[in-house]
Amino acid sequence: MGTSNRRSNESKYGPYHIRVVLIIFSLSAMAFGLGVSITAPEQLPNSLVFTAFHFCVAFGAYSYNKMLLGISQKVCGLAVILLILSLLGYPLIKSCYKASGLYGMAVKRTGKMNETKAFEYDLNYFMNVPTKYKNEAGIKEAVHNFNFGLLDGFLLEFLILSYTAGTYVYYVMIKRLREQVCRMQMVGEFSRLCDPSSV
């Protein structure tokens, strides 16, 4: 008897802690998104989408809105899938770009060429081994570029993997709160939360 009561209390109070964490995290993320839109105006569309998503999560968690939580859960699940796909290719591409020496060249010539000329120049550089890599100093530079690219690739993989894990935890929290809201609606607890006079 006591064990069943304890289990019911755990299932009852667990989601409320999830709800508080979701609200606090979403409000922090909204503040971060608004800060990015002010400090980096070129990122305005991305930061607005980011802020709108976290507003949906915060409002859905605050008001026990099953529809908003469901939409947020689907968007978060899609984000996890996209992050996993980017993990499969993006670190490798970035690592190759830096290891080949193209990154250093791009930094030096920023603003000096239009996009077409830059692409042709990079393609020619990539397809033909530059003469500077045929002597000892050039080989040392190539080794340095390779090590730098490899390290950058591993670091990027770690960051994307950490962000993916955090997004998945966020997805699970939204899912659990949504399931609890559905249970509350089924047993009638939702109406008592909305109407304190009925308690």
C-alpha atoms as a PDB file:
ATOM      1  CA  MET A   1       0.000   0.000   0.000  1.00  0.00           C
ATOM      2  CA  GLY A   2       2.735   2.451   1.005  1.00  0.00           C
ATOM      3  CA  THR A   3       4.810   1.508  -2.051  1.00  0.00           C
ATOM      4  CA  SER A   4       1.943   2.200  -4.463  1.00  0.00           C
ATOM      5  CA  ASN A   5       1.301   5.605  -2.817  1.00  0.00           C
ATOM      6  CA  ARG A   6       4.986   6.491  -3.108  1.00  0.00           C
ATOM      7  CA  ARG A   7       5.002   5.521  -6.785  1.00  0.00           C
ATOM      8  CA  SER A   8       1.903   7.592  -7.479  1.00  0.00           C
ATOM      9  CA  ASN A   9       3.516  10.577  -5.722  1.00  0.00           C
ATOM     10  CA  GLU A  10       6.699  10.161  -7.760  1.00  0.00           C
ATOM     11  CA  SER A  11       4.756  10.039 -11.023  1.00  0.00           C
ATOM     12  CA  LYS A  12       2.689  13.008  -9.867  1.00  0.00           C
ATOM     13  CA  TYR A  13       5.524  15.326  -8.842  1.00  0.00           C
ATOM     14  CA  GLY A  14       8.214  14.285 -11.331  1.00  0.00           C
ATOM     15  CA  PRO A  15       6.663  16.054 -14.354  1.00  0.00           C
ATOM     16  CA  TYR A  16       6.196  19.260 -12.326  1.00  0.00           C
ATOM     17  CA  HIS A  17       9.969  19.451 -11.900  1.00  0.00           C
ATOM     18  CA  ILE A  18      10.331  18.819 -15.635  1.00  0.00           C
ATOM     19  CA  ARG A  19       7.848  21.619 -16.260  1.00  0.00           C
ATOM     20  CA  VAL A  20       9.852  24.097 -14.163  1.00  0.00           C
ATOM     21  CA  VAL A  21      13.124  23.101 -15.857  1.00  0.00           C
ATOM     22  CA  LEU A  22      11.529  23.459 -19.309  1.00  0.00           C
ATOM     23  CA  ILE A  23      10.164  26.920 -18.494  1.00  0.00           C
ATOM     24  CA  ILE A  24      13.467  28.173 -17.041  1.00  0.00           C
ATOM     25  CA  PHE A  25      15.524  26.734 -19.895  1.00  0.00           C
ATOM     26  CA  SER A  26      13.136  28.089 -22.546  1.00  0.00           C
ATOM     27  CA  LEU A  27      13.145  31.592 -21.044  1.00  0.00           C
ATOM     28  CA  SER A  28      16.965  31.516 -20.948  1.00  0.00           C
ATOM     29  CA  ALA A  29      17.070  30.359 -24.579  1.00  0.00           C
ATOM     30  CA  MET A  30      14.634  33.127 -25.583  1.00  0.00           C
ATOM     31  CA  ALA A  31      16.868  35.728 -23.925  1.00  0.00           C
ATOM     32  CA  PHE A  32      19.877  34.253 -25.740  1.00  0.00           C
ATOM     33  CA  GLY A  33      18.035  34.326 -29.087  1.00  0.00           C
ATOM     34  CA  LEU A  34      17.000  37.954 -28.628  1.00  0.00           C
ATOM     35  CA  GLY A  35      20.563  38.842 -27.628  1.00  0.00           C
ATOM     36  CA  VAL A  36      21.918  37.233 -30.803  1.00  0.00           C
ATOM     37  CA  SER A  37      19.400  39.135 -32.943  1.00  0.00           C
ATOM     38  CA  ILE A  38      20.614  42.425 -31.408  1.00  0.00           C
ATOM     39  CA  THR A  39      24.359  41.734 -31.516  1.00  0.00           C
ATOM     40  CA  ALA A  40      24.358  39.968 -34.916  1.00  0.00           C
ATOM     41  CA  PRO A  41      21.564  41.422 -37.109  1.00  0.00           C
ATOM     42  CA  GLU A  42      22.531  39.127 -40.011  1.00  0.00           C
ATOM     43  CA  GLN A  43      21.348  36.187 -37.853  1.00  0.00           C
ATOM     44  CA  LEU A  44      17.904  37.752 -37.274  1.00  0.00           C
ATOM     45  CA  PRO A  45      15.809  35.102 -39.143  1.00  0.00           C
ATOM     46  CA  ASN A  46      17.554  32.216 -37.350  1.00  0.00           C
ATOM     47  CA  SER A  47      17.300  33.849 -33.934  1.00  0.00           C
ATOM     48  CA  LEU A  48      13.592  34.640 -34.447  1.00  0.00           C
ATOM     49  CA  VAL A  49      12.816  30.999 -35.315  1.00  0.00           C
ATOM     50  CA  PHE A  50      14.895  29.876 -32.305  1.00  0.00           C
ATOM     51  CA  THR A  51      13.074  32.326 -30.007  1.00  0.00           C
ATOM     52  CA  ALA A  52       9.621  31.381 -31.368  1.00  0.00           C
ATOM     53  CA  PHE A  53      10.301  27.682 -30.780  1.00  0.00           C
ATOM     54  CA  HIS A  54      11.352  28.233 -27.173  1.00  0.00           C
ATOM     55  CA  PHE A  55       8.362  30.530 -26.619  1.00  0.00           C
ATOM     56  CA  CYS A  56       6.086  27.663 -27.729  1.00  0.00           C
ATOM     57  CA  VAL A  57       7.809  25.308 -25.293  1.00  0.00           C
ATOM     58  CA  ALA A  58       7.635  27.784 -22.384  1.00  0.00           C
ATOM     59  CA  PHE A  59       3.996  28.725 -22.990  1.00  0.00           C
ATOM     60  CA  GLY A  60       2.986  25.101 -23.606  1.00  0.00           C
ATOM     61  CA  ALA A  61       4.659  23.985 -20.371  1.00  0.00           C
ATOM     62  CA  TYR A  62       3.244  26.906 -18.368  1.00  0.00           C
ATOM     63  CA  SER A  63      -0.348  26.493 -19.578  1.00  0.00           C
ATOM     64  CA  TYR A  64      -0.316  22.678 -19.894  1.00  0.00           C
ATOM     65  CA  ASN A  65      -1.133  23.102 -23.587  1.00  0.00           C
ATOM     66  CA  LYS A  66      -1.039  19.668 -25.202  1.00  0.00           C
ATOM     67  CA  MET A  67      -1.092  21.035 -28.765  1.00  0.00           C
ATOM     68  CA  LEU A  68       1.883  23.387 -28.296  1.00  0.00           C
ATOM     69  CA  LEU A  69       3.851  20.688 -26.495  1.00  0.00           C
ATOM     70  CA  GLY A  70       3.083  18.264 -29.334  1.00  0.00           C
ATOM     71  CA  ILE A  71       4.284  20.730 -31.987  1.00  0.00           C
ATOM     72  CA  SER A  72       7.402  21.494 -29.928  1.00  0.00           C
ATOM     73  CA  GLN A  73       8.092  17.777 -29.526  1.00  0.00           C
ATOM     74  CA  LYS A  74       7.906  17.204 -33.301  1.00  0.00           C
ATOM     75  CA  VAL A  75      10.145  20.198 -34.075  1.00  0.00           C
ATOM     76  CA  CYS A  76      12.649  19.057 -31.446  1.00  0.00           C
ATOM     77  CA  GLY A  77      12.632  15.514 -32.868  1.00  0.00           C
ATOM     78  CA  LEU A  78      13.271  16.905 -36.357  1.00  0.00           C
ATOM     79  CA  ALA A  79      16.153  18.975 -34.956  1.00  0.00           C
ATOM     80  CA  VAL A  80      17.703  15.819 -33.454  1.00  0.00           C
ATOM     81  CA  ILE A  81      17.491  14.038 -36.842  1.00  0.00           C
ATOM     82  CA  LEU A  82      19.041  17.016 -38.673  1.00  0.00           C
ATOM     83  CA  LEU A  83      21.831  17.257 -36.094  1.00  0.00           C
ATOM     84  CA  ILE A  84      22.622  13.549 -36.510  1.00  0.00           C
ATOM     85  CA  LEU A  85      22.743  13.993 -40.304  1.00  0.00           C
ATOM     86  CA  SER A  86      25.041  17.012 -39.958  1.00  0.00           C
ATOM     87  CA  LEU A  87      27.256  14.990 -37.613  1.00  0.00           C
ATOM     88  CA  LEU A  88      27.771  12.435 -40.392  1.00  0.00           C
ATOM     89  CA  GLY A  89      29.179  14.914 -42.905  1.00  0.00           C
ATOM     90  CA  TYR A  90      29.809  18.473 -41.751  1.00  0.00           C
ATOM     91  CA  PRO A  91      32.850  17.845 -39.464  1.00  0.00           C
ATOM     92  CA  LEU A  92      34.528  15.851 -42.248  1.00  0.00           C
ATOM     93  CA  ILE A  93      33.940  18.595 -44.834  1.00  0.00           C
ATOM     94  CA  LYS A  94      35.194  21.318 -42.478  1.00  0.00           C
ATOM     95  CA  SER A  95      38.212  19.233 -41.488  1.00  0.00           C
ATOM     96  CA  CYS A  96      39.153  18.596 -45.143  1.00  0.00           C
ATOM     97  CA  TYR A  97      38.694  22.285 -45.945  1.00  0.00           C
ATOM     98  CA  LYS A  98      41.131  23.306 -43.224  1.00  0.00           C
ATOM     99  CA  ALA A  99      43.564  20.426 -43.790  1.00  0.00           C
ATOM    100  CA  SER A 100      43.878  21.264 -47.495  1.00  0.00           C
ATOM    101  CA  GLY A 101      45.007  24.827 -46.767  1.00  0.00           C
ATOM    102  CA  LEU A 102      41.955  26.371 -48.437  1.00  0.00           C
ATOM    103  CA  TYR A 103      40.787  27.882 -45.147  1.00  0.00           C
ATOM    104  CA  GLY A 104      43.955  29.975 -44.759  1.00  0.00           C
ATOM    105  CA  MET A 105      43.698  31.148 -48.352  1.00  0.00           C
ATOM    106  CA  ALA A 106      40.044  32.084 -47.925  1.00  0.00           C
ATOM    107  CA  VAL A 107      40.890  34.194 -44.872  1.00  0.00           C
ATOM    108  CA  LYS A 108      43.625  36.039 -46.786  1.00  0.00           C
ATOM    109  CA  ARG A 109      41.534  36.815 -49.857  1.00  0.00           C
ATOM    110  CA  THR A 110      38.241  37.687 -48.137  1.00  0.00           C
ATOM    111  CA  GLY A 111      36.591  40.505 -50.070  1.00  0.00           C
ATOM    112  CA  LYS A 112      39.223  40.511 -52.824  1.00  0.00           C
ATOM    113  CA  MET A 113      37.439  38.135 -55.254  1.00  0.00           C
ATOM    114  CA  ASN A 114      33.858  37.596 -56.286  1.00  0.00           C
ATOM    115  CA  GLU A 115      32.286  34.199 -55.571  1.00  0.00           C
ATOM    116  CA  THR A 116      32.828  32.730 -59.068  1.00  0.00           C
ATOM    117  CA  LYS A 117      36.515  33.657 -59.206  1.00  0.00           C
ATOM    118  CA  ALA A 118      37.046  32.385 -55.675  1.00  0.00           C
ATOM    119  CA  PHE A 119      35.399  29.042 -56.526  1.00  0.00           C
ATOM    120  CA  GLU A 120      37.518  28.620 -59.672  1.00  0.00           C
ATOM    121  CA  TYR A 121      40.676  29.511 -57.735  1.00  0.00           C
ATOM    122  CA  ASP A 122      39.857  27.083 -54.903  1.00  0.00           C
ATOM    123  CA  LEU A 123      38.986  24.285 -57.339  1.00  0.00           C
ATOM    124  CA  ASN A 124      42.239  24.754 -59.251  1.00  0.00           C
ATOM    125  CA  TYR A 125      44.183  24.804 -55.965  1.00  0.00           C
ATOM    126  CA  PHE A 126      42.397  21.680 -54.718  1.00  0.00           C
ATOM    127  CA  MET A 127      42.888  19.663 -57.928  1.00  0.00           C
ATOM    128  CA  ASN A 128      46.588  20.521 -58.385  1.00  0.00           C
ATOM    129  CA  VAL A 129      49.286  20.240 -55.716  1.00  0.00           C
ATOM    130  CA  PRO A 130      50.752  23.753 -55.282  1.00  0.00           C
ATOM    131  CA  THR A 131      54.460  24.124 -55.972  1.00  0.00           C
ATOM    132  CA  LYS A 132      55.068  25.474 -52.464  1.00  0.00           C
ATOM    133  CA  TYR A 133      54.306  21.998 -51.047  1.00  0.00           C
ATOM    134  CA  LYS A 134      57.158  20.423 -53.025  1.00  0.00           C
ATOM    135  CA  ASN A 135      59.946  21.655 -50.722  1.00  0.00           C
ATOM    136  CA  GLU A 136      60.664  20.963 -47.039  1.00  0.00           C
ATOM    137  CA  ALA A 137      59.052  24.151 -45.703  1.00  0.00           C
ATOM    138  CA  GLY A 138      55.950  23.433 -47.764  1.00  0.00           C
ATOM    139  CA  ILE A 139      55.754  19.884 -46.412  1.00  0.00           C
ATOM    140  CA  LYS A 140      55.926  21.229 -42.835  1.00  0.00           C
ATOM    141  CA  GLU A 141      53.115  23.653 -43.632  1.00  0.00           C
ATOM    142  CA  ALA A 142      51.067  20.814 -45.143  1.00  0.00           C
ATOM    143  CA  VAL A 143      51.580  18.693 -42.005  1.00  0.00           C
ATOM    144  CA  HIS A 144      50.568  21.661 -39.835  1.00  0.00           C
ATOM    145  CA  ASN A 145      47.419  22.211 -41.932  1.00  0.00           C
ATOM    146  CA  PHE A 146      46.570  18.504 -41.718  1.00  0.00           C
ATOM    147  CA  ASN A 147      46.945  18.399 -37.918  1.00  0.00           C
ATOM    148  CA  PHE A 148      44.965  21.619 -37.546  1.00  0.00           C
ATOM    149  CA  GLY A 149      42.186  20.252 -39.771  1.00  0.00           C
ATOM    150  CA  LEU A 150      42.085  16.934 -37.916  1.00  0.00           C
ATOM    151  CA  LEU A 151      41.871  18.642 -34.520  1.00  0.00           C
ATOM    152  CA  ASP A 152      39.196  21.022 -35.783  1.00  0.00           C
ATOM    153  CA  GLY A 153      37.151  18.097 -37.126  1.00  0.00           C
ATOM    154  CA  PHE A 154      37.286  16.216 -33.812  1.00  0.00           C
ATOM    155  CA  LEU A 155      36.357  19.354 -31.867  1.00  0.00           C
ATOM    156  CA  LEU A 156      33.411  20.048 -34.165  1.00  0.00           C
ATOM    157  CA  GLU A 157      32.220  16.438 -33.827  1.00  0.00           C
ATOM    158  CA  PHE A 158      32.342  16.726 -30.037  1.00  0.00           C
ATOM    159  CA  LEU A 159      30.389  20.010 -30.067  1.00  0.00           C
ATOM    160  CA  ILE A 160      27.698  18.716 -32.441  1.00  0.00           C
ATOM    161  CA  LEU A 161      27.420  15.456 -30.479  1.00  0.00           C
ATOM    162  CA  SER A 162      27.022  17.368 -27.192  1.00  0.00           C
ATOM    163  CA  TYR A 163      24.390  19.655 -28.725  1.00  0.00           C
ATOM    164  CA  THR A 164      22.558  16.637 -30.168  1.00  0.00           C
ATOM    165  CA  ALA A 165      22.529  14.918 -26.765  1.00  0.00           C
ATOM    166  CA  GLY A 166      21.208  18.081 -25.092  1.00  0.00           C
ATOM    167  CA  THR A 167      18.495  18.477 -27.729  1.00  0.00           C
ATOM    168  CA  TYR A 168      17.481  14.837 -27.272  1.00  0.00           C
ATOM    169  CA  VAL A 169      17.166  15.322 -23.492  1.00  0.00           C
ATOM    170  CA  TYR A 170      15.021  18.407 -24.200  1.00  0.00           C
ATOM    171  CA  TYR A 171      12.875  16.276 -26.551  1.00  0.00           C
ATOM    172  CA  VAL A 172      12.382  13.598 -23.869  1.00  0.00           C
ATOM    173  CA  MET A 173      11.405  16.218 -21.268  1.00  0.00           C
ATOM    174  CA  ILE A 174       8.804  17.753 -23.604  1.00  0.00           C
ATOM    175  CA  LYS A 175       7.476  14.277 -24.428  1.00  0.00           C
ATOM    176  CA  ARG A 176       7.125  13.300 -20.763  1.00  0.00           C
ATOM    177  CA  LEU A 177       5.361  16.528 -19.845  1.00  0.00           C
ATOM    178  CA  ARG A 178       2.984  16.110 -22.789  1.00  0.00           C
ATOM    179  CA  GLU A 179       2.201  12.527 -21.715  1.00  0.00           C
ATOM    180  CA  GLN A 180       1.502  13.751 -18.185  1.00  0.00           C
ATOM    181  CA  VAL A 181      -0.850  16.463 -19.517  1.00  0.00           C
ATOM    182  CA  CYS A 182      -2.734  13.774 -21.472  1.00  0.00           C
ATOM    183  CA  ARG A 183      -3.048  11.639 -18.324  1.00  0.00           C
ATOM    184  CA  MET A 184      -4.213  14.641 -16.294  1.00  0.00           C
ATOM    185  CA  GLN A 185      -6.902  15.389 -18.855  1.00  0.00           C
ATOM    186  CA  MET A 186      -8.059  11.775 -18.838  1.00  0.00           C
ATOM    187  CA  VAL A 187      -8.496  11.537 -15.057  1.00  0.00           C
ATOM    188  CA  GLY A 188      -9.910  15.032 -14.616  1.00  0.00           C
ATOM    189  CA  GLU A 189      -6.975  16.566 -12.727  1.00  0.00           C
ATOM    190  CA  PHE A 190      -6.532  19.173 -15.419  1.00  0.00           C
ATOM    191  CA  SER A 191      -9.874  20.822 -14.611  1.00  0.00           C
ATOM    192  CA  ARG A 192      -8.963  21.027 -10.917  1.00  0.00           C
ATOM    193  CA  LEU A 193      -5.649  22.746 -11.745  1.00  0.00           C
ATOM    194  CA  CYS A 194      -7.407  25.329 -13.910  1.00  0.00           C
ATOM    195  CA  ASP A 195     -10.204  25.973 -11.389  1.00  0.00           C
ATOM    196  CA  PRO A 196      -8.848  26.362  -7.821  1.00  0.00           C
ATOM    197  CA  SER A 197     -12.384  26.786  -6.402  1.00  0.00           C
ATOM    198  CA  SER A 198     -13.186  23.174  -7.275  1.00  0.00           C
ATOM    199  CA  VAL A 199     -10.450  21.853  -4.966  1.00  0.00           C
END
